Amino acid sequence: MKVTLHNLTKKYPGRGKGAKTEVIAVNDLNVEIPDGKLIGLLGPSGCGKSTTLNLLSGLQPPTSGRIFFGDEDVTDLTPQERGVGLVFQNYALYPHLTVRQNILFPLQNLKGDARLPKEVMEQKALEAAKLVQIDGLMERKPAELSGGQQQRVAIARALVKMPRILLLDEPLSNLDARLRLQTREEIRRIQRETKITTVFVTHDQEEAMSISDQIVVMKDGVIQQIGKPQEVYDQPKNLFVAKFLGTPPINVFAGQVKGGRLFIGDADVLAAPGVTDQPVFAAVRPEGFELGENAPLSCALTGVEVMGRDITVVATHPDCENTAIRAIISAENQVDAGADTVRFALKPHKVFLFAREDGARLL
């Protein structure tokens, strides 16, 4: 099911005595979600991603704009009429019901012609449980399950009606790191098997990039960039996107372009063809550094972290806005941890230049 958001806006009244300024949570959103794809809505807290999900589900009405499922305008329909499946951050399971009863609940609430025979409901509940691999836990209650198992019950309950679209609101944030990794792989597998168009909301860029077909990066209710995860990582449109994606975070230097060359401090570090002379932000991915005795960029060495196949060189530079520069290099390199300085050359395809005024990418 293709989903289209057309000029979607959500405003809230201002809070506090005498407050007149409205709060714009979602600002003129235009997105087309392809049929059968998993899309990650990504951004910091307060960026509007959960509000967008609530608008999609019908839990909140938009201030303006329209929502289409396929060619059908569903803007004024209730969540039940839209046929969406919702999975919340806190699972929202009924504690007094068994796993089987929790999964059956949406089917038991169908009315009229949509009502299914009991045997069919039981079969669908079992199929949904098998899909998320909890069919052996059907008679347990939520309190007897681990966090990951509860999350699987919530997903099975959302899938049992085979919704037109599946909406996941930060479904992994309550899980520990190892379980989070396992569960996100399961979500990807389930989505591929069911081919249900899925919207996954998260503030964790690693989660979004690992399982999404496309990511939508948001800030202050406005879309910053849409694209395949690797494409957005490799070609950020602005400084916000460059900073938000990547672990460790990108290293941002105050630089200057002069005569087609990029200078950081007094060091001529890189060619910058086609960029006019101006002050810039030069952002370097952690994997964009190369060690070299005669390399142009000299930094103060503060530490070396051996990570097995990689080494993280931790350094500082007066023109870097990061507290510490983190450069990831191959473990085949030898780094003198007792040295005072370390010198780097920069890989051109891992360096991005941005305008100082508005953070726009300079190509």
Protein backbone atom coordinates (compact mmCIF):
# COMPACT_ATOMS: atom_id res chain seq x y z
CA MET A 1 0.00 0.00 0.00
CA LYS A 2 1.57 3.27 -1.14
CA VAL A 3 1.19 6.09 1.40
CA THR A 4 1.26 9.76 0.43
CA LEU A 5 1.44 12.73 2.78
CA HIS A 6 0.47 15.95 1.01
CA ASN A 7 1.25 19.33 2.65
CA LEU A 8 0.66 17.76 6.06
CA THR A 9 0.80 20.23 8.96
CA LYS A 10 0.04 19.88 12.65
CA LYS A 11 -0.11 22.90 14.96
CA TYR A 12 -0.73 23.04 18.70
CA PRO A 13 -1.87 26.12 20.64
CA GLY A 14 0.77 27.90 22.68
CA ARG A 15 1.02 27.02 26.36
CA GLY A 16 1.33 29.38 29.31
CA LYS A 17 -0.31 32.61 30.33
CA GLY A 18 -0.82 34.93 27.41
CA ALA A 19 0.90 32.56 24.97
CA LYS A 20 -0.30 33.27 21.45
CA THR A 21 2.39 31.64 19.33
CA GLU A 22 1.37 28.28 17.95
CA VAL A 23 3.73 25.32 18.12
CA ILE A 24 4.23 23.73 14.69
CA ALA A 25 5.01 20.07 15.30
CA VAL A 26 4.82 19.03 11.63
CA ASN A 27 5.38 21.66 8.97
CA ASP A 28 4.12 21.16 5.41
CA LEU A 29 5.26 17.56 5.06
CA ASN A 30 5.33 16.00 1.60
CA VAL A 31 6.36 12.35 1.52
CA GLU A 32 5.57 9.37 -0.69
CA ILE A 33 6.14 5.98 0.95
CA PRO A 34 6.43 3.24 -1.69
CA ASP A 35 4.30 0.11 -1.48
CA GLY A 36 5.83 -2.69 0.58
CA LYS A 37 8.82 -0.71 1.86
CA LEU A 38 10.10 -0.03 5.38
CA ILE A 39 10.65 3.67 5.96
CA GLY A 40 12.48 5.05 8.98
CA LEU A 41 11.36 8.40 10.41
CA LEU A 42 14.49 9.67 12.09
CA GLY A 43 15.36 12.73 14.13
CA PRO A 44 16.03 14.11 17.63
CA SER A 45 13.35 14.38 20.29
CA GLY A 46 10.78 17.01 19.36
CA CYS A 47 11.41 16.81 15.61
CA GLY A 48 7.82 15.74 14.82
CA LYS A 49 8.36 12.09 13.92
CA SER A 50 5.92 10.64 16.49
CA THR A 51 3.37 13.32 15.64
CA THR A 52 3.65 12.29 12.00
CA LEU A 53 3.00 8.69 13.02
CA ASN A 54 -0.06 9.75 15.04
CA LEU A 55 -1.38 11.64 12.01
CA LEU A 56 -0.83 8.58 9.84
CA SER A 57 -2.67 6.35 12.28
CA GLY A 58 -5.61 8.69 12.75
CA LEU A 59 -4.98 9.18 16.47
CA GLN A 60 -4.62 12.91 15.80
CA PRO A 61 -6.21 15.04 13.07
CA PRO A 62 -3.95 17.25 10.94
CA THR A 63 -4.34 21.03 11.02
CA SER A 64 -4.07 21.00 7.24
CA GLY A 65 -3.00 18.70 4.43
CA ARG A 66 -4.18 15.27 3.27
CA ILE A 67 -3.20 11.63 3.80
CA PHE A 68 -3.67 9.01 1.08
CA PHE A 69 -3.46 5.23 1.31
CA GLY A 70 -3.10 4.29 -2.32
CA ASP A 71 -5.63 6.51 -4.09
CA GLU A 72 -7.95 6.69 -1.07
CA ASP A 73 -8.07 9.87 0.98
CA VAL A 74 -8.08 8.61 4.59
CA THR A 75 -7.54 11.98 6.30
CA ASP A 76 -10.96 11.98 7.95
CA LEU A 77 -11.17 8.25 8.71
CA THR A 78 -10.79 6.71 12.18
CA PRO A 79 -7.85 4.40 12.97
CA GLN A 80 -10.17 1.39 12.65
CA GLU A 81 -11.39 2.51 9.26
CA ARG A 82 -7.85 3.11 8.02
CA GLY A 83 -6.76 -0.47 8.74
CA VAL A 84 -3.47 0.35 10.44
CA GLY A 85 -1.43 -1.78 12.83
CA LEU A 86 0.22 0.07 15.71
CA VAL A 87 3.11 -1.00 17.92
CA PHE A 88 3.89 1.36 20.78
CA GLN A 89 7.06 1.98 22.74
CA ASN A 90 5.56 0.56 25.95
CA TYR A 91 3.98 -2.50 24.22
CA ALA A 92 0.47 -1.68 25.65
CA LEU A 93 -0.40 -5.32 26.31
CA TYR A 94 -3.39 -6.30 28.47
CA PRO A 95 -1.81 -7.75 31.64
CA HIS A 96 -4.80 -9.92 32.59
CA LEU A 97 -4.94 -11.62 29.18
CA THR A 98 -2.72 -14.42 27.88
CA VAL A 99 -0.54 -14.05 24.82
CA ARG A 100 -3.22 -15.83 22.78
CA GLN A 101 -5.95 -13.50 24.06
CA ASN A 102 -3.84 -10.40 23.46
CA ILE A 103 -3.24 -11.42 19.84
CA LEU A 104 -6.89 -12.38 19.34
CA PHE A 105 -8.22 -9.11 20.77
CA PRO A 106 -8.25 -7.07 17.50
CA LEU A 107 -10.03 -9.91 15.67
CA GLN A 108 -12.63 -10.31 18.42
CA ASN A 109 -13.51 -6.63 18.09
CA LEU A 110 -14.38 -6.85 14.41
CA LYS A 111 -18.04 -6.09 13.76
CA GLY A 112 -20.65 -7.06 11.20
CA ASP A 113 -19.48 -8.70 7.98
CA ALA A 114 -15.85 -8.35 9.05
CA ARG A 115 -16.43 -10.71 12.00
CA LEU A 116 -14.59 -14.02 11.54
CA PRO A 117 -15.50 -17.52 12.75
CA LYS A 118 -13.76 -18.53 15.96
CA GLU A 119 -11.70 -21.22 14.24
CA VAL A 120 -10.41 -18.73 11.66
CA MET A 121 -9.48 -16.24 14.40
CA GLU A 122 -7.58 -18.92 16.28
CA GLN A 123 -5.72 -19.92 13.11
CA LYS A 124 -4.77 -16.31 12.32
CA ALA A 125 -3.56 -15.76 15.89
CA LEU A 126 -1.38 -18.86 15.67
CA GLU A 127 0.02 -17.79 12.28
CA ALA A 128 0.89 -14.34 13.68
CA ALA A 129 2.53 -15.92 16.73
CA LYS A 130 4.60 -18.25 14.53
CA LEU A 131 5.68 -15.30 12.40
CA VAL A 132 7.23 -13.63 15.43
CA GLN A 133 8.34 -16.95 16.94
CA ILE A 134 6.27 -16.92 20.15
CA ASP A 135 3.86 -19.76 19.33
CA GLY A 136 5.22 -21.71 22.30
CA LEU A 137 4.21 -18.96 24.75
CA MET A 138 0.52 -18.65 23.93
CA GLU A 139 -0.80 -19.44 27.42
CA ARG A 140 1.54 -17.13 29.31
CA LYS A 141 0.61 -13.66 30.54
CA PRO A 142 2.72 -10.55 29.82
CA ALA A 143 4.26 -10.50 33.32
CA GLU A 144 5.76 -13.93 32.59
CA LEU A 145 7.56 -12.71 29.45
CA SER A 146 10.83 -10.91 28.85
CA GLY A 147 10.84 -7.45 27.29
CA GLY A 148 11.72 -8.86 23.89
CA GLN A 149 8.94 -11.45 24.08
CA GLN A 150 6.42 -8.77 25.06
CA GLN A 151 7.51 -6.73 22.05
CA ARG A 152 6.92 -9.73 19.79
CA VAL A 153 3.41 -10.15 21.21
CA ALA A 154 2.72 -6.47 20.43
CA ILE A 155 3.94 -6.96 16.85
CA ALA A 156 1.84 -10.14 16.43
CA ARG A 157 -1.24 -8.31 17.70
CA ALA A 158 -0.63 -5.50 15.18
CA LEU A 159 -0.13 -7.99 12.33
CA VAL A 160 -2.99 -10.40 13.01
CA LYS A 161 -5.49 -8.34 10.99
CA MET A 162 -2.94 -7.97 8.13
CA PRO A 163 -3.12 -4.16 8.26
CA ARG A 164 -2.73 -1.98 5.21
CA ILE A 165 0.24 -0.28 6.88
CA LEU A 166 2.23 -1.07 10.03
CA LEU A 167 3.32 1.79 12.30
CA LEU A 168 6.11 1.27 14.87
CA ASP A 169 6.71 4.03 17.42
CA GLU A 170 10.22 3.59 18.90
CA PRO A 171 9.51 -0.10 19.50
CA LEU A 172 13.03 -1.01 20.65
CA SER A 173 13.88 1.76 23.11
CA ASN A 174 12.96 -0.29 26.20
CA LEU A 175 15.19 -3.23 25.28
CA ASP A 176 18.83 -3.81 26.21
CA ALA A 177 21.51 -3.43 23.52
CA ARG A 178 21.82 -7.10 22.54
CA LEU A 179 18.06 -7.66 22.48
CA ARG A 180 17.58 -4.46 20.51
CA LEU A 181 19.90 -5.76 17.80
CA GLN A 182 18.12 -9.11 17.66
CA THR A 183 14.62 -7.56 17.61
CA ARG A 184 15.39 -5.08 14.85
CA GLU A 185 16.61 -7.96 12.69
CA GLU A 186 13.33 -9.73 13.42
CA ILE A 187 11.32 -6.65 12.44
CA ARG A 188 13.18 -6.51 9.14
CA ARG A 189 12.54 -10.21 8.51
CA ILE A 190 8.84 -9.94 9.36
CA GLN A 191 8.40 -6.90 7.14
CA ARG A 192 10.02 -8.65 4.20
CA GLU A 193 7.88 -11.76 4.68
CA THR A 194 4.58 -9.86 5.00
CA LYS A 195 5.49 -7.08 2.50
CA ILE A 196 3.37 -4.67 4.57
CA THR A 197 4.28 -1.01 4.09
CA THR A 198 5.91 -0.07 7.39
CA VAL A 199 6.83 3.22 9.06
CA PHE A 200 9.42 2.90 11.83
CA VAL A 201 9.95 5.88 14.16
CA THR A 202 13.23 6.15 16.06
CA HIS A 203 15.79 8.66 17.31
CA ASP A 204 18.52 6.00 16.98
CA GLN A 205 20.19 6.52 13.61
CA GLU A 206 21.93 3.13 13.75
CA GLU A 207 18.53 1.39 14.07
CA ALA A 208 17.04 3.37 11.22
CA MET A 209 19.98 2.87 8.88
CA SER A 210 20.28 -0.86 9.54
CA ILE A 211 16.72 -1.92 8.64
CA SER A 212 15.14 0.84 6.53
CA ASP A 213 14.73 0.86 2.77
CA GLN A 214 14.63 4.65 3.02
CA ILE A 215 15.09 7.12 5.85
CA VAL A 216 13.38 10.47 6.36
CA VAL A 217 15.52 12.79 8.50
CA MET A 218 13.46 15.44 10.32
CA LYS A 219 14.22 18.53 12.38
CA ASP A 220 11.67 20.92 13.93
CA GLY A 221 8.84 19.35 11.96
CA VAL A 222 10.59 19.83 8.61
CA ILE A 223 12.09 17.14 6.39
CA GLN A 224 15.83 17.65 5.99
CA GLN A 225 16.57 14.76 3.62
CA ILE A 226 15.00 11.60 2.20
CA GLY A 227 16.93 8.73 0.66
CA LYS A 228 18.47 5.32 1.03
CA PRO A 229 20.43 5.13 4.29
CA GLN A 230 23.88 4.81 2.71
CA GLU A 231 23.16 7.56 0.19
CA VAL A 232 22.11 9.97 2.94
CA TYR A 233 25.21 9.07 4.96
CA ASP A 234 27.51 9.53 1.97
CA GLN A 235 25.83 12.66 0.60
CA PRO A 236 24.27 14.74 3.43
CA LYS A 237 22.40 17.79 2.19
CA ASN A 238 23.21 19.97 5.18
CA LEU A 239 25.30 20.11 8.33
CA PHE A 240 22.45 18.89 10.55
CA VAL A 241 22.10 15.64 8.58
CA ALA A 242 25.87 15.15 8.52
CA LYS A 243 26.05 15.57 12.30
CA PHE A 244 23.02 13.43 13.06
CA LEU A 245 24.10 10.36 11.07
CA GLY A 246 27.15 8.38 12.01
CA THR A 247 28.74 6.76 15.06
CA PRO A 248 31.18 8.10 16.16
CA PRO A 249 29.82 11.48 15.05
CA ILE A 250 31.33 13.42 12.20
CA ASN A 251 34.23 15.75 13.05
CA VAL A 252 33.44 19.39 12.24
CA PHE A 253 36.21 21.94 11.68
CA ALA A 254 36.04 25.67 11.10
CA GLY A 255 37.82 26.06 7.76
CA GLN A 256 38.45 28.49 4.95
CA VAL A 257 38.40 28.00 1.19
CA LYS A 258 41.04 30.11 -0.56
CA GLY A 259 42.05 29.77 -4.18
CA GLY A 260 40.33 26.43 -4.61
CA ARG A 261 42.01 24.92 -1.54
CA LEU A 262 40.61 24.04 1.89
CA PHE A 263 42.55 25.38 4.85
CA ILE A 264 42.06 24.31 8.46
CA GLY A 265 44.01 26.82 10.49
CA ASP A 266 47.20 27.38 8.50
CA ALA A 267 47.20 23.87 7.05
CA ASP A 268 46.37 23.38 3.36
CA VAL A 269 44.53 20.06 3.68
CA LEU A 270 42.54 19.46 0.51
CA ALA A 271 41.55 20.68 -2.93
CA ALA A 272 38.13 22.38 -3.05
CA PRO A 273 37.50 22.91 -6.76
CA GLY A 274 34.48 24.98 -7.68
CA VAL A 275 33.95 26.43 -4.19
CA THR A 276 34.30 30.20 -3.98
CA ASP A 277 36.57 31.75 -1.37
CA GLN A 278 34.65 31.79 1.91
CA PRO A 279 34.67 30.54 5.51
CA VAL A 280 33.19 27.04 5.72
CA PHE A 281 32.50 24.17 8.03
CA ALA A 282 34.58 21.17 6.96
CA ALA A 283 33.03 17.94 8.24
CA VAL A 284 35.17 14.78 8.16
CA ARG A 285 33.77 11.29 8.79
CA PRO A 286 35.77 9.27 11.35
CA GLU A 287 36.89 6.92 8.57
CA GLY A 288 38.05 9.91 6.48
CA PHE A 289 41.49 10.27 8.10
CA GLU A 290 44.78 8.76 6.96
CA LEU A 291 47.92 8.73 9.09
CA GLY A 292 51.07 10.21 7.57
CA GLU A 293 54.33 11.57 8.96
CA ASN A 294 54.22 14.47 6.51
CA ALA A 295 50.42 14.79 6.34
CA PRO A 296 49.15 18.38 6.49
CA LEU A 297 46.73 18.32 9.47
CA SER A 298 48.52 18.27 12.81
CA CYS A 299 46.47 17.40 15.90
CA ALA A 300 47.26 16.91 19.58
CA LEU A 301 47.12 13.20 20.39
CA THR A 302 45.13 12.37 23.52
CA GLY A 303 44.57 8.63 23.25
CA VAL A 304 44.53 5.44 21.17
CA GLU A 305 41.68 2.93 21.50
CA VAL A 306 42.34 -0.53 20.05
CA MET A 307 39.04 -2.06 18.92
CA GLY A 308 40.31 -5.26 17.29
CA ARG A 309 40.18 -4.79 13.54
CA ASP A 310 40.15 -0.97 13.94
CA ILE A 311 42.00 1.64 15.95
CA THR A 312 40.35 4.85 17.11
CA VAL A 313 42.79 7.72 17.36
CA VAL A 314 41.51 10.39 19.76
CA ALA A 315 42.91 13.87 19.25
CA THR A 316 42.12 17.56 19.52
CA HIS A 317 42.51 20.58 17.27
CA PRO A 318 41.76 24.24 18.09
CA ASP A 319 39.55 24.60 15.00
CA CYS A 320 37.45 21.49 15.65
CA GLU A 321 34.09 22.09 17.32
CA ASN A 322 33.96 18.51 18.63
CA THR A 323 35.29 17.96 22.14
CA ALA A 324 37.57 15.31 20.64
CA ILE A 325 38.41 14.22 17.11
CA ARG A 326 37.78 10.50 16.65
CA ALA A 327 39.58 9.01 13.65
CA ILE A 328 38.99 5.35 12.78
CA ILE A 329 41.92 3.69 11.02
CA SER A 330 42.92 0.10 10.27
CA ALA A 331 44.59 -1.87 13.07
CA GLU A 332 47.42 -2.53 10.61
CA ASN A 333 48.62 1.02 11.32
CA GLN A 334 51.12 1.66 14.08
CA VAL A 335 50.34 4.61 16.35
CA ASP A 336 52.76 5.80 19.02
CA ALA A 337 50.38 6.32 21.94
CA GLY A 338 53.07 8.28 23.79
CA ALA A 339 53.50 10.91 21.06
CA ASP A 340 52.30 14.48 21.58
CA THR A 341 50.94 14.95 18.06
CA VAL A 342 49.51 12.96 15.20
CA ARG A 343 49.27 14.03 11.56
CA PHE A 344 46.43 13.27 9.19
CA ALA A 345 45.67 13.53 5.51
CA LEU A 346 41.98 13.62 4.55
CA LYS A 347 40.11 11.36 2.12
CA PRO A 348 38.27 13.71 -0.27
CA HIS A 349 35.10 11.59 -0.53
CA LYS A 350 34.74 11.61 3.26
CA VAL A 351 34.98 15.41 3.61
CA PHE A 352 31.90 17.65 3.22
CA LEU A 353 31.91 21.43 3.06
CA PHE A 354 29.01 23.50 4.41
CA ALA A 355 28.21 27.20 4.35
CA ARG A 356 28.79 28.95 7.65
CA GLU A 357 25.57 31.00 7.38
CA ASP A 358 22.94 28.28 7.02
CA GLY A 359 24.79 24.94 7.03
CA ALA A 360 23.85 24.18 3.41
CA ARG A 361 26.10 21.75 1.55
CA LEU A 362 28.64 23.26 -0.83
CA LEU A 363 29.14 20.93 -3.78
